[in-house]
Amino acid sequence: MVIALKYELLSLPGWSRAEGLRMIFHMAGVEYEDVRLTVPEWRQYKTKVSLPPEVRLPVLRIKGHCTAAGTVEIGRTLARRFGLYGESAIEQREIEEIMRYVDRIHNELMPIIRYTLARDYQKRNESWLDFKENVLNPTMDFLERRLGSNPYFISDQVTLADLSVAEVLSRFVNLFDSHILDHHPLLDEHRLRIEGLPQLREMVKNRPNSVF
């Protein structure tokens, strides 16, 4: 008898970086518990289950044990388990290349999120303009050239790269600037193609309101 693994994904409320991880579960058709914690709740939880102080959300727990922490590591772990990590070493290297660009976007976005949470909208707008010009637009230029006229980034099947790019761009469109993809139509078509997949359609439709 095969016992199904129990997956728990712990993250902050809202979309956050964990939204791409949720997409992996839905794309694979794998059930999981979506646990969203406020910062005080997370501090209490870490103490309760004796997690090291340096562990940060999101966290993946399998069968009650902390298996991976951080968006990149969890995404890689789940994609490998669920067949979304390419079919060869070459494809996996190509996925990792795109993931480095996505990770850079996430890291450079952090000051904007902090200003948003602090309700310092002047600094938020200033940081957003700088981020858009120096990080986001050059990255989208690269990603659009990389995608070209192909339906997916790596092969003829959806991979971690497609889910991650579609999620982060959708977050920008819905939460920051609805016109952000006006000059990148291929990326916008790709985003809508991914979000329109049968496995993801309902999830996307029922996303909660969020500020980041």
N, C-alpha and C. Protein backbone atom coordinates (compact mmCIF):
# COMPACT_ATOMS: atom_id res chain seq x y z
N MET A 1 0.83 -1.20 0.00
CA MET A 1 0.00 0.00 0.00
C MET A 1 0.87 1.25 0.00
N VAL A 2 0.63 2.15 -0.96
CA VAL A 2 1.41 3.38 -1.06
C VAL A 2 0.72 4.46 -0.24
N ILE A 3 1.44 5.05 0.70
CA ILE A 3 0.90 6.11 1.54
C ILE A 3 1.25 7.46 0.91
N ALA A 4 0.24 8.29 0.64
CA ALA A 4 0.48 9.59 0.03
C ALA A 4 1.21 10.50 1.03
N LEU A 5 2.17 11.24 0.52
CA LEU A 5 2.89 12.17 1.35
C LEU A 5 2.01 13.36 1.71
N LYS A 6 2.18 13.86 2.90
CA LYS A 6 1.45 15.06 3.33
C LYS A 6 2.37 16.27 3.18
N TYR A 7 1.97 17.16 2.30
CA TYR A 7 2.75 18.37 2.05
C TYR A 7 2.10 19.55 2.77
N GLU A 8 2.95 20.37 3.39
CA GLU A 8 2.52 21.62 4.01
C GLU A 8 3.40 22.73 3.46
N LEU A 9 2.77 23.80 2.97
CA LEU A 9 3.52 24.97 2.51
C LEU A 9 3.19 26.13 3.43
N LEU A 10 4.19 26.60 4.15
CA LEU A 10 4.02 27.71 5.08
C LEU A 10 4.54 28.99 4.42
N SER A 11 3.73 30.05 4.48
CA SER A 11 4.14 31.30 3.86
C SER A 11 3.43 32.46 4.52
N LEU A 12 3.78 33.67 4.11
CA LEU A 12 3.10 34.86 4.59
C LEU A 12 1.74 34.99 3.90
N PRO A 13 0.85 35.80 4.46
CA PRO A 13 -0.44 36.05 3.78
C PRO A 13 -0.22 36.74 2.44
N GLY A 14 -1.24 36.71 1.59
CA GLY A 14 -1.13 37.34 0.29
C GLY A 14 -0.47 36.43 -0.73
N TRP A 15 -0.06 37.02 -1.87
CA TRP A 15 0.60 36.23 -2.90
C TRP A 15 2.01 35.88 -2.45
N SER A 16 2.84 36.90 -2.32
CA SER A 16 4.26 36.75 -1.98
C SER A 16 4.95 35.79 -2.96
N ARG A 17 6.20 35.51 -2.70
CA ARG A 17 6.97 34.63 -3.58
C ARG A 17 6.44 33.20 -3.57
N ALA A 18 5.68 32.85 -2.55
CA ALA A 18 5.17 31.48 -2.44
C ALA A 18 4.10 31.17 -3.48
N GLU A 19 3.57 32.18 -4.15
CA GLU A 19 2.50 31.91 -5.12
C GLU A 19 2.98 30.99 -6.24
N GLY A 20 4.22 31.16 -6.66
CA GLY A 20 4.77 30.28 -7.68
C GLY A 20 4.86 28.83 -7.21
N LEU A 21 5.10 28.65 -5.92
CA LEU A 21 5.15 27.30 -5.36
C LEU A 21 3.76 26.67 -5.34
N ARG A 22 2.76 27.47 -5.04
CA ARG A 22 1.38 26.96 -5.08
C ARG A 22 1.02 26.53 -6.50
N MET A 23 1.50 27.29 -7.47
CA MET A 23 1.24 26.93 -8.86
C MET A 23 1.83 25.57 -9.21
N ILE A 24 2.99 25.26 -8.64
CA ILE A 24 3.62 23.95 -8.90
C ILE A 24 2.71 22.83 -8.40
N PHE A 25 2.21 22.97 -7.18
CA PHE A 25 1.31 21.94 -6.64
C PHE A 25 0.08 21.77 -7.52
N HIS A 26 -0.54 22.89 -7.92
CA HIS A 26 -1.75 22.81 -8.75
C HIS A 26 -1.44 22.23 -10.13
N MET A 27 -0.33 22.62 -10.71
CA MET A 27 0.05 22.11 -12.02
C MET A 27 0.24 20.60 -11.96
N ALA A 28 0.82 20.11 -10.86
CA ALA A 28 1.08 18.68 -10.72
C ALA A 28 -0.15 17.91 -10.23
N GLY A 29 -1.19 18.63 -9.81
CA GLY A 29 -2.37 17.95 -9.29
C GLY A 29 -2.13 17.27 -7.96
N VAL A 30 -1.24 17.85 -7.14
CA VAL A 30 -0.88 17.25 -5.85
C VAL A 30 -1.51 18.07 -4.73
N GLU A 31 -2.21 17.39 -3.83
CA GLU A 31 -2.84 18.08 -2.71
C GLU A 31 -1.78 18.54 -1.70
N TYR A 32 -2.06 19.69 -1.07
CA TYR A 32 -1.15 20.21 -0.06
C TYR A 32 -1.94 21.11 0.87
N GLU A 33 -1.38 21.37 2.04
CA GLU A 33 -2.01 22.30 2.98
C GLU A 33 -1.33 23.66 2.84
N ASP A 34 -2.12 24.66 2.54
CA ASP A 34 -1.63 26.02 2.31
C ASP A 34 -1.78 26.81 3.61
N VAL A 35 -0.68 26.92 4.37
CA VAL A 35 -0.70 27.57 5.68
C VAL A 35 -0.09 28.96 5.55
N ARG A 36 -0.89 29.98 5.80
CA ARG A 36 -0.40 31.36 5.68
C ARG A 36 -0.37 31.99 7.07
N LEU A 37 0.81 32.45 7.47
CA LEU A 37 1.05 32.93 8.82
C LEU A 37 1.43 34.40 8.81
N THR A 38 0.94 35.15 9.79
CA THR A 38 1.43 36.50 10.00
C THR A 38 2.83 36.41 10.61
N VAL A 39 3.54 37.51 10.65
CA VAL A 39 4.90 37.50 11.22
C VAL A 39 4.89 37.05 12.68
N PRO A 40 3.99 37.56 13.54
CA PRO A 40 3.96 37.06 14.93
C PRO A 40 3.63 35.57 15.01
N GLU A 41 2.72 35.09 14.16
CA GLU A 41 2.38 33.67 14.16
C GLU A 41 3.57 32.82 13.73
N TRP A 42 4.34 33.33 12.76
CA TRP A 42 5.52 32.60 12.29
C TRP A 42 6.56 32.50 13.40
N ARG A 43 6.77 33.57 14.14
CA ARG A 43 7.73 33.53 15.25
C ARG A 43 7.33 32.50 16.28
N GLN A 44 6.05 32.46 16.61
CA GLN A 44 5.55 31.47 17.57
C GLN A 44 5.71 30.06 17.03
N TYR A 45 5.44 29.90 15.73
CA TYR A 45 5.52 28.57 15.11
C TYR A 45 6.96 28.07 15.14
N LYS A 46 7.91 28.95 14.81
CA LYS A 46 9.32 28.54 14.81
C LYS A 46 9.75 28.03 16.18
N THR A 47 9.31 28.72 17.21
CA THR A 47 9.64 28.30 18.57
C THR A 47 8.98 26.96 18.90
N LYS A 48 7.72 26.82 18.50
CA LYS A 48 6.95 25.62 18.82
C LYS A 48 7.57 24.37 18.22
N VAL A 49 8.03 24.45 16.96
CA VAL A 49 8.57 23.26 16.29
C VAL A 49 10.09 23.23 16.28
N SER A 50 10.70 24.18 17.01
CA SER A 50 12.17 24.20 17.20
C SER A 50 12.94 24.35 15.89
N LEU A 51 12.48 25.29 15.04
CA LEU A 51 13.23 25.58 13.82
C LEU A 51 14.37 26.53 14.14
N PRO A 52 15.50 26.42 13.46
CA PRO A 52 16.63 27.34 13.68
C PRO A 52 16.22 28.78 13.42
N PRO A 53 16.79 29.74 14.12
CA PRO A 53 16.42 31.15 13.98
C PRO A 53 16.57 31.68 12.55
N GLU A 54 17.55 31.14 11.80
CA GLU A 54 17.81 31.67 10.46
C GLU A 54 16.80 31.23 9.40
N VAL A 55 15.95 30.26 9.71
CA VAL A 55 14.96 29.78 8.74
C VAL A 55 13.91 30.85 8.49
N ARG A 56 13.65 31.12 7.21
CA ARG A 56 12.67 32.13 6.83
C ARG A 56 11.60 31.51 5.94
N LEU A 57 10.45 32.15 5.92
CA LEU A 57 9.37 31.71 5.03
C LEU A 57 9.72 32.03 3.59
N PRO A 58 9.21 31.22 2.64
CA PRO A 58 8.33 30.06 2.82
C PRO A 58 9.11 28.81 3.26
N VAL A 59 8.36 27.88 3.85
CA VAL A 59 8.92 26.62 4.32
C VAL A 59 8.06 25.48 3.80
N LEU A 60 8.71 24.43 3.34
CA LEU A 60 8.01 23.21 2.91
C LEU A 60 8.22 22.13 3.95
N ARG A 61 7.10 21.55 4.41
CA ARG A 61 7.16 20.44 5.35
C ARG A 61 6.52 19.22 4.69
N ILE A 62 7.21 18.10 4.78
CA ILE A 62 6.71 16.84 4.24
C ILE A 62 6.67 15.83 5.37
N LYS A 63 5.48 15.27 5.59
CA LYS A 63 5.28 14.31 6.68
C LYS A 63 5.70 14.91 8.01
N GLY A 64 5.42 16.21 8.19
CA GLY A 64 5.67 16.84 9.47
C GLY A 64 7.09 17.32 9.70
N HIS A 65 7.98 17.15 8.71
CA HIS A 65 9.37 17.55 8.87
C HIS A 65 9.70 18.70 7.92
N CYS A 66 10.50 19.64 8.39
CA CYS A 66 10.95 20.75 7.55
C CYS A 66 11.91 20.21 6.50
N THR A 67 11.49 20.21 5.24
CA THR A 67 12.28 19.62 4.17
C THR A 67 13.10 20.65 3.42
N ALA A 68 12.54 21.83 3.21
CA ALA A 68 13.23 22.88 2.47
C ALA A 68 12.69 24.23 2.89
N ALA A 69 13.54 25.24 2.79
CA ALA A 69 13.14 26.60 3.11
C ALA A 69 13.64 27.53 2.02
N GLY A 70 12.86 28.58 1.73
CA GLY A 70 13.25 29.51 0.68
C GLY A 70 12.61 29.13 -0.64
N THR A 71 12.22 30.15 -1.40
CA THR A 71 11.48 29.91 -2.64
C THR A 71 12.27 29.09 -3.65
N VAL A 72 13.54 29.42 -3.82
CA VAL A 72 14.35 28.75 -4.84
C VAL A 72 14.51 27.27 -4.52
N GLU A 73 14.88 26.97 -3.28
CA GLU A 73 15.12 25.58 -2.90
C GLU A 73 13.83 24.77 -2.93
N ILE A 74 12.74 25.35 -2.43
CA ILE A 74 11.46 24.63 -2.45
C ILE A 74 11.00 24.40 -3.89
N GLY A 75 11.10 25.43 -4.72
CA GLY A 75 10.69 25.29 -6.12
C GLY A 75 11.47 24.20 -6.82
N ARG A 76 12.76 24.16 -6.59
CA ARG A 76 13.60 23.12 -7.21
C ARG A 76 13.20 21.73 -6.69
N THR A 77 12.97 21.62 -5.39
CA THR A 77 12.59 20.33 -4.79
C THR A 77 11.28 19.82 -5.37
N LEU A 78 10.27 20.69 -5.42
CA LEU A 78 8.96 20.27 -5.92
C LEU A 78 9.00 19.98 -7.42
N ALA A 79 9.69 20.82 -8.18
CA ALA A 79 9.75 20.62 -9.63
C ALA A 79 10.40 19.28 -9.96
N ARG A 80 11.43 18.92 -9.24
CA ARG A 80 12.08 17.62 -9.47
C ARG A 80 11.13 16.48 -9.12
N ARG A 81 10.41 16.60 -8.02
CA ARG A 81 9.49 15.54 -7.60
C ARG A 81 8.34 15.36 -8.58
N PHE A 82 7.88 16.47 -9.17
CA PHE A 82 6.65 16.43 -9.96
C PHE A 82 6.89 16.51 -11.47
N GLY A 83 8.13 16.33 -11.91
CA GLY A 83 8.40 16.27 -13.34
C GLY A 83 8.32 17.60 -14.07
N LEU A 84 8.66 18.70 -13.37
CA LEU A 84 8.60 20.02 -13.98
C LEU A 84 9.98 20.66 -14.06
N TYR A 85 11.00 19.82 -14.08
CA TYR A 85 12.38 20.33 -14.01
C TYR A 85 13.19 19.94 -15.24
N GLY A 86 12.52 19.72 -16.36
CA GLY A 86 13.23 19.38 -17.58
C GLY A 86 13.51 17.89 -17.70
N GLU A 87 13.86 17.50 -18.92
CA GLU A 87 14.08 16.07 -19.19
C GLU A 87 15.54 15.74 -19.45
N SER A 88 16.43 16.70 -19.32
CA SER A 88 17.85 16.45 -19.55
C SER A 88 18.66 17.46 -18.75
N ALA A 89 19.95 17.19 -18.65
CA ALA A 89 20.83 18.11 -17.92
C ALA A 89 20.87 19.47 -18.61
N ILE A 90 20.79 19.47 -19.94
CA ILE A 90 20.80 20.74 -20.68
C ILE A 90 19.56 21.56 -20.35
N GLU A 91 18.39 20.91 -20.36
CA GLU A 91 17.16 21.63 -20.03
C GLU A 91 17.18 22.14 -18.60
N GLN A 92 17.74 21.36 -17.70
CA GLN A 92 17.81 21.80 -16.31
C GLN A 92 18.72 23.01 -16.15
N ARG A 93 19.82 23.06 -16.90
CA ARG A 93 20.68 24.24 -16.85
C ARG A 93 19.95 25.47 -17.40
N GLU A 94 19.15 25.27 -18.44
CA GLU A 94 18.39 26.39 -19.01
C GLU A 94 17.34 26.88 -18.02
N ILE A 95 16.70 25.96 -17.31
CA ILE A 95 15.74 26.34 -16.28
C ILE A 95 16.44 27.15 -15.19
N GLU A 96 17.59 26.69 -14.76
CA GLU A 96 18.33 27.38 -13.70
C GLU A 96 18.73 28.80 -14.16
N GLU A 97 19.08 28.94 -15.43
CA GLU A 97 19.43 30.28 -15.94
C GLU A 97 18.26 31.24 -15.79
N ILE A 98 17.09 30.80 -16.20
CA ILE A 98 15.91 31.66 -16.09
C ILE A 98 15.55 31.90 -14.64
N MET A 99 15.70 30.90 -13.80
CA MET A 99 15.39 31.07 -12.38
C MET A 99 16.31 32.09 -11.71
N ARG A 100 17.55 32.21 -12.19
CA ARG A 100 18.44 33.22 -11.63
C ARG A 100 17.92 34.62 -11.91
N TYR A 101 17.36 34.82 -13.10
CA TYR A 101 16.77 36.12 -13.43
C TYR A 101 15.53 36.39 -12.58
N VAL A 102 14.70 35.39 -12.40
CA VAL A 102 13.50 35.55 -11.57
C VAL A 102 13.89 35.84 -10.13
N ASP A 103 14.91 35.15 -9.64
CA ASP A 103 15.34 35.35 -8.26
C ASP A 103 15.90 36.76 -8.07
N ARG A 104 16.60 37.27 -9.08
CA ARG A 104 17.12 38.63 -8.98
C ARG A 104 15.97 39.64 -8.90
N ILE A 105 14.93 39.41 -9.71
CA ILE A 105 13.76 40.29 -9.64
C ILE A 105 13.18 40.30 -8.23
N HIS A 106 13.03 39.12 -7.66
CA HIS A 106 12.47 39.02 -6.31
C HIS A 106 13.34 39.76 -5.29
N ASN A 107 14.65 39.55 -5.37
CA ASN A 107 15.55 40.17 -4.40
C ASN A 107 15.54 41.69 -4.52
N GLU A 108 15.55 42.20 -5.74
CA GLU A 108 15.58 43.64 -5.95
C GLU A 108 14.24 44.29 -5.62
N LEU A 109 13.18 43.49 -5.54
CA LEU A 109 11.86 44.00 -5.22
C LEU A 109 11.67 44.25 -3.72
N MET A 110 12.53 43.67 -2.89
CA MET A 110 12.33 43.72 -1.45
C MET A 110 12.20 45.13 -0.87
N PRO A 111 13.02 46.12 -1.28
CA PRO A 111 12.84 47.48 -0.73
C PRO A 111 11.45 48.04 -1.03
N ILE A 112 10.90 47.73 -2.20
CA ILE A 112 9.57 48.22 -2.57
C ILE A 112 8.53 47.60 -1.65
N ILE A 113 8.66 46.33 -1.36
CA ILE A 113 7.72 45.66 -0.46
C ILE A 113 7.81 46.26 0.94
N ARG A 114 9.04 46.54 1.41
CA ARG A 114 9.19 47.14 2.74
C ARG A 114 8.53 48.52 2.80
N TYR A 115 8.72 49.33 1.77
CA TYR A 115 8.08 50.65 1.75
C TYR A 115 6.56 50.52 1.67
N THR A 116 6.09 49.50 0.95
CA THR A 116 4.64 49.28 0.86
C THR A 116 4.07 48.94 2.23
N LEU A 117 4.72 48.04 2.93
CA LEU A 117 4.24 47.63 4.26
C LEU A 117 4.32 48.79 5.26
N ALA A 118 5.33 49.66 5.08
CA ALA A 118 5.48 50.82 5.96
C ALA A 118 4.59 51.98 5.54
N ARG A 119 3.90 51.82 4.41
CA ARG A 119 3.01 52.84 3.86
C ARG A 119 3.76 54.13 3.53
N ASP A 120 5.02 53.98 3.17
CA ASP A 120 5.82 55.12 2.72
C ASP A 120 5.72 55.14 1.19
N TYR A 121 4.65 55.71 0.69
CA TYR A 121 4.33 55.59 -0.72
C TYR A 121 5.23 56.45 -1.60
N GLN A 122 5.79 57.51 -1.07
CA GLN A 122 6.71 58.31 -1.87
C GLN A 122 7.98 57.51 -2.18
N LYS A 123 8.57 56.91 -1.16
CA LYS A 123 9.77 56.10 -1.38
C LYS A 123 9.43 54.85 -2.19
N ARG A 124 8.22 54.31 -1.98
CA ARG A 124 7.80 53.16 -2.77
C ARG A 124 7.78 53.50 -4.25
N ASN A 125 7.20 54.64 -4.60
CA ASN A 125 7.12 55.03 -6.01
C ASN A 125 8.49 55.32 -6.59
N GLU A 126 9.35 55.97 -5.81
CA GLU A 126 10.70 56.25 -6.28
C GLU A 126 11.47 54.95 -6.52
N SER A 127 11.36 54.02 -5.58
CA SER A 127 12.05 52.73 -5.72
C SER A 127 11.50 51.93 -6.89
N TRP A 128 10.18 52.00 -7.07
CA TRP A 128 9.55 51.27 -8.17
C TRP A 128 10.06 51.76 -9.52
N LEU A 129 10.17 53.07 -9.71
CA LEU A 129 10.64 53.63 -10.97
C LEU A 129 12.09 53.20 -11.24
N ASP A 130 12.91 53.23 -10.20
CA ASP A 130 14.31 52.81 -10.35
C ASP A 130 14.40 51.32 -10.65
N PHE A 131 13.62 50.52 -9.94
CA PHE A 131 13.59 49.08 -10.16
C PHE A 131 13.11 48.74 -11.57
N LYS A 132 12.08 49.42 -12.02
CA LYS A 132 11.53 49.15 -13.34
C LYS A 132 12.54 49.45 -14.44
N GLU A 133 13.24 50.57 -14.30
CA GLU A 133 14.18 50.98 -15.34
C GLU A 133 15.45 50.14 -15.36
N ASN A 134 15.98 49.84 -14.17
CA ASN A 134 17.30 49.22 -14.09
C ASN A 134 17.30 47.71 -13.90
N VAL A 135 16.17 47.15 -13.48
CA VAL A 135 16.11 45.71 -13.24
C VAL A 135 15.03 45.04 -14.08
N LEU A 136 13.80 45.49 -13.92
CA LEU A 136 12.68 44.77 -14.51
C LEU A 136 12.65 44.84 -16.03
N ASN A 137 12.75 46.05 -16.59
CA ASN A 137 12.68 46.16 -18.05
C ASN A 137 13.81 45.41 -18.76
N PRO A 138 15.08 45.55 -18.32
CA PRO A 138 16.14 44.75 -18.96
C PRO A 138 15.92 43.25 -18.83
N THR A 139 15.40 42.82 -17.68
CA THR A 139 15.13 41.39 -17.49
C THR A 139 14.02 40.92 -18.42
N MET A 140 12.96 41.72 -18.55
CA MET A 140 11.87 41.34 -19.45
C MET A 140 12.34 41.33 -20.89
N ASP A 141 13.23 42.24 -21.25
CA ASP A 141 13.80 42.22 -22.61
C ASP A 141 14.48 40.89 -22.88
N PHE A 142 15.30 40.45 -21.91
CA PHE A 142 16.00 39.17 -22.06
C PHE A 142 15.03 38.01 -22.13
N LEU A 143 14.06 37.99 -21.24
CA LEU A 143 13.12 36.87 -21.19
C LEU A 143 12.29 36.79 -22.47
N GLU A 144 11.91 37.94 -23.02
CA GLU A 144 11.13 37.91 -24.25
C GLU A 144 11.97 37.39 -25.41
N ARG A 145 13.23 37.79 -25.47
CA ARG A 145 14.11 37.24 -26.53
C ARG A 145 14.29 35.74 -26.32
N ARG A 146 14.43 35.33 -25.09
CA ARG A 146 14.63 33.90 -24.78
C ARG A 146 13.41 33.08 -25.15
N LEU A 147 12.23 33.61 -24.90
CA LEU A 147 10.98 32.91 -25.22
C LEU A 147 10.73 32.89 -26.72
N GLY A 148 10.91 34.02 -27.38
CA GLY A 148 10.63 34.11 -28.81
C GLY A 148 9.17 33.78 -29.10
N SER A 149 8.98 33.03 -30.16
CA SER A 149 7.61 32.66 -30.55
C SER A 149 7.20 31.30 -30.01
N ASN A 150 7.99 30.76 -29.09
CA ASN A 150 7.70 29.45 -28.51
C ASN A 150 6.60 29.54 -27.46
N PRO A 151 5.81 28.50 -27.30
CA PRO A 151 4.76 28.54 -26.26
C PRO A 151 5.33 28.48 -24.85
N TYR A 152 6.48 27.79 -24.69
CA TYR A 152 7.09 27.65 -23.38
C TYR A 152 8.58 27.95 -23.47
N PHE A 153 9.22 28.18 -22.33
CA PHE A 153 10.61 28.62 -22.34
C PHE A 153 11.60 27.54 -22.72
N ILE A 154 11.40 26.31 -22.24
CA ILE A 154 12.45 25.30 -22.35
C ILE A 154 12.17 24.25 -23.41
N SER A 155 10.98 23.73 -23.44
CA SER A 155 10.66 22.65 -24.37
C SER A 155 9.21 22.81 -24.79
N ASP A 156 8.59 21.72 -25.21
CA ASP A 156 7.18 21.78 -25.59
C ASP A 156 6.27 21.46 -24.41
N GLN A 157 6.83 21.48 -23.20
CA GLN A 157 6.05 21.21 -21.99
C GLN A 157 6.31 22.29 -20.95
N VAL A 158 5.35 22.46 -20.05
CA VAL A 158 5.49 23.43 -18.96
C VAL A 158 6.56 22.97 -17.98
N THR A 159 7.42 23.91 -17.58
CA THR A 159 8.43 23.61 -16.58
C THR A 159 8.38 24.67 -15.47
N LEU A 160 9.23 24.48 -14.49
CA LEU A 160 9.35 25.44 -13.40
C LEU A 160 9.60 26.85 -13.93
N ALA A 161 10.35 26.98 -15.00
CA ALA A 161 10.67 28.30 -15.56
C ALA A 161 9.40 29.02 -16.00
N ASP A 162 8.50 28.33 -16.67
CA ASP A 162 7.25 28.94 -17.13
C ASP A 162 6.39 29.40 -15.96
N LEU A 163 6.25 28.56 -14.97
CA LEU A 163 5.40 28.89 -13.82
C LEU A 163 5.97 30.09 -13.07
N SER A 164 7.27 30.11 -12.89
CA SER A 164 7.90 31.18 -12.11
C SER A 164 7.82 32.52 -12.82
N VAL A 165 8.10 32.53 -14.12
CA VAL A 165 8.04 33.78 -14.87
C VAL A 165 6.61 34.30 -14.95
N ALA A 166 5.66 33.41 -15.25
CA ALA A 166 4.26 33.82 -15.35
C ALA A 166 3.76 34.39 -14.03
N GLU A 167 4.15 33.76 -12.93
CA GLU A 167 3.66 34.23 -11.63
C GLU A 167 4.20 35.60 -11.28
N VAL A 168 5.50 35.81 -11.43
CA VAL A 168 6.06 37.10 -11.01
C VAL A 168 5.56 38.22 -11.90
N LEU A 169 5.40 37.97 -13.19
CA LEU A 169 4.88 39.01 -14.08
C LEU A 169 3.41 39.29 -13.81
N SER A 170 2.66 38.26 -13.48
CA SER A 170 1.26 38.46 -13.13
C SER A 170 1.13 39.30 -11.87
N ARG A 171 2.04 39.09 -10.94
CA ARG A 171 2.01 39.89 -9.71
C ARG A 171 2.26 41.37 -10.01
N PHE A 172 3.19 41.63 -10.93
CA PHE A 172 3.44 43.02 -11.30
C PHE A 172 2.23 43.64 -12.00
N VAL A 173 1.62 42.89 -12.90
CA VAL A 173 0.46 43.40 -13.63
C VAL A 173 -0.71 43.69 -12.69
N ASN A 174 -0.94 42.80 -11.75
CA ASN A 174 -2.12 42.92 -10.88
C ASN A 174 -1.92 43.78 -9.66
N LEU A 175 -0.69 43.88 -9.17
CA LEU A 175 -0.46 44.57 -7.90
C LEU A 175 0.35 45.86 -8.02
N PHE A 176 1.04 46.06 -9.13
CA PHE A 176 1.92 47.21 -9.23
C PHE A 176 1.60 48.12 -10.42
N ASP A 177 1.52 47.56 -11.62
CA ASP A 177 1.36 48.38 -12.82
C ASP A 177 0.69 47.54 -13.90
N SER A 178 -0.57 47.81 -14.18
CA SER A 178 -1.33 46.99 -15.13
C SER A 178 -0.81 47.11 -16.56
N HIS A 179 0.03 48.10 -16.83
CA HIS A 179 0.56 48.30 -18.19
C HIS A 179 2.00 47.83 -18.33
N ILE A 180 2.51 47.14 -17.32
CA ILE A 180 3.93 46.80 -17.30
C ILE A 180 4.36 45.93 -18.48
N LEU A 181 3.44 45.16 -19.05
CA LEU A 181 3.79 44.27 -20.16
C LEU A 181 3.35 44.82 -21.52
N ASP A 182 2.96 46.07 -21.56
CA ASP A 182 2.49 46.64 -22.83
C ASP A 182 3.52 46.55 -23.94
N HIS A 183 4.80 46.64 -23.57
CA HIS A 183 5.87 46.60 -24.57
C HIS A 183 6.54 45.22 -24.65
N HIS A 184 5.92 44.25 -24.00
CA HIS A 184 6.43 42.87 -24.05
C HIS A 184 5.27 41.92 -24.31
N PRO A 185 4.68 42.00 -25.50
CA PRO A 185 3.47 41.22 -25.79
C PRO A 185 3.67 39.72 -25.73
N LEU A 186 4.86 39.24 -26.09
CA LEU A 186 5.09 37.79 -26.05
C LEU A 186 5.08 37.27 -24.62
N LEU A 187 5.64 38.05 -23.71
CA LEU A 187 5.60 37.64 -22.30
C LEU A 187 4.18 37.70 -21.76
N ASP A 188 3.41 38.69 -22.20
CA ASP A 188 2.02 38.77 -21.75
C ASP A 188 1.21 37.60 -22.27
N GLU A 189 1.42 37.22 -23.52
CA GLU A 189 0.73 36.06 -24.08
C GLU A 189 1.11 34.80 -23.32
N HIS A 190 2.39 34.68 -23.00
CA HIS A 190 2.86 33.52 -22.25
C HIS A 190 2.21 33.47 -20.87
N ARG A 191 2.17 34.60 -20.18
CA ARG A 191 1.54 34.66 -18.86
C ARG A 191 0.09 34.20 -18.92
N LEU A 192 -0.66 34.70 -19.88
CA LEU A 192 -2.07 34.34 -20.00
C LEU A 192 -2.23 32.88 -20.41
N ARG A 193 -1.31 32.38 -21.22
CA ARG A 193 -1.35 30.97 -21.63
C ARG A 193 -1.18 30.07 -20.41
N ILE A 194 -0.19 30.39 -19.56
CA ILE A 194 0.06 29.58 -18.38
C ILE A 194 -1.11 29.65 -17.41
N GLU A 195 -1.60 30.86 -17.15
CA GLU A 195 -2.68 31.02 -16.19
C GLU A 195 -4.01 30.45 -16.70
N GLY A 196 -4.09 30.24 -18.01
CA GLY A 196 -5.30 29.66 -18.58
C GLY A 196 -5.29 28.15 -18.66
N LEU A 197 -4.20 27.52 -18.24
CA LEU A 197 -4.14 26.06 -18.25
C LEU A 197 -5.21 25.49 -17.32
N PRO A 198 -5.83 24.36 -17.70
CA PRO A 198 -6.91 23.79 -16.87
C PRO A 198 -6.50 23.56 -15.41
N GLN A 199 -5.25 23.19 -15.20
CA GLN A 199 -4.79 22.90 -13.84
C GLN A 199 -4.69 24.16 -12.97
N LEU A 200 -4.57 25.33 -13.63
CA LEU A 200 -4.30 26.57 -12.89
C LEU A 200 -5.44 27.57 -12.92
N ARG A 201 -6.39 27.35 -13.80
CA ARG A 201 -7.41 28.37 -14.06
C ARG A 201 -8.18 28.78 -12.80
N GLU A 202 -8.65 27.80 -12.04
CA GLU A 202 -9.43 28.11 -10.85
C GLU A 202 -8.58 28.75 -9.76
N MET A 203 -7.36 28.28 -9.64
CA MET A 203 -6.46 28.87 -8.64
C MET A 203 -6.24 30.35 -8.92
N VAL A 204 -5.96 30.67 -10.17
CA VAL A 204 -5.72 32.06 -10.55
C VAL A 204 -6.96 32.91 -10.32
N LYS A 205 -8.10 32.36 -10.67
CA LYS A 205 -9.37 33.08 -10.51
C LYS A 205 -9.65 33.41 -9.05
N ASN A 206 -9.25 32.54 -8.14
CA ASN A 206 -9.59 32.69 -6.72
C ASN A 206 -8.45 33.22 -5.88
N ARG A 207 -7.46 33.85 -6.50
CA ARG A 207 -6.36 34.42 -5.73
C ARG A 207 -6.89 35.49 -4.76
N PRO A 208 -6.35 35.52 -3.54
CA PRO A 208 -6.81 36.53 -2.57
C PRO A 208 -6.24 37.90 -2.90
N ASN A 209 -6.86 38.93 -2.34
CA ASN A 209 -6.31 40.27 -2.47
C ASN A 209 -4.96 40.33 -1.77
N SER A 210 -4.06 41.14 -2.29
CA SER A 210 -2.72 41.19 -1.72
C SER A 210 -2.08 42.53 -2.06
N VAL A 211 -1.07 42.92 -1.26
CA VAL A 211 -0.33 44.14 -1.55
C VAL A 211 1.07 43.84 -2.07
N PHE A 212 1.47 42.55 -2.07
CA PHE A 212 2.79 42.20 -2.62
C PHE A 212 2.83 40.74 -3.02
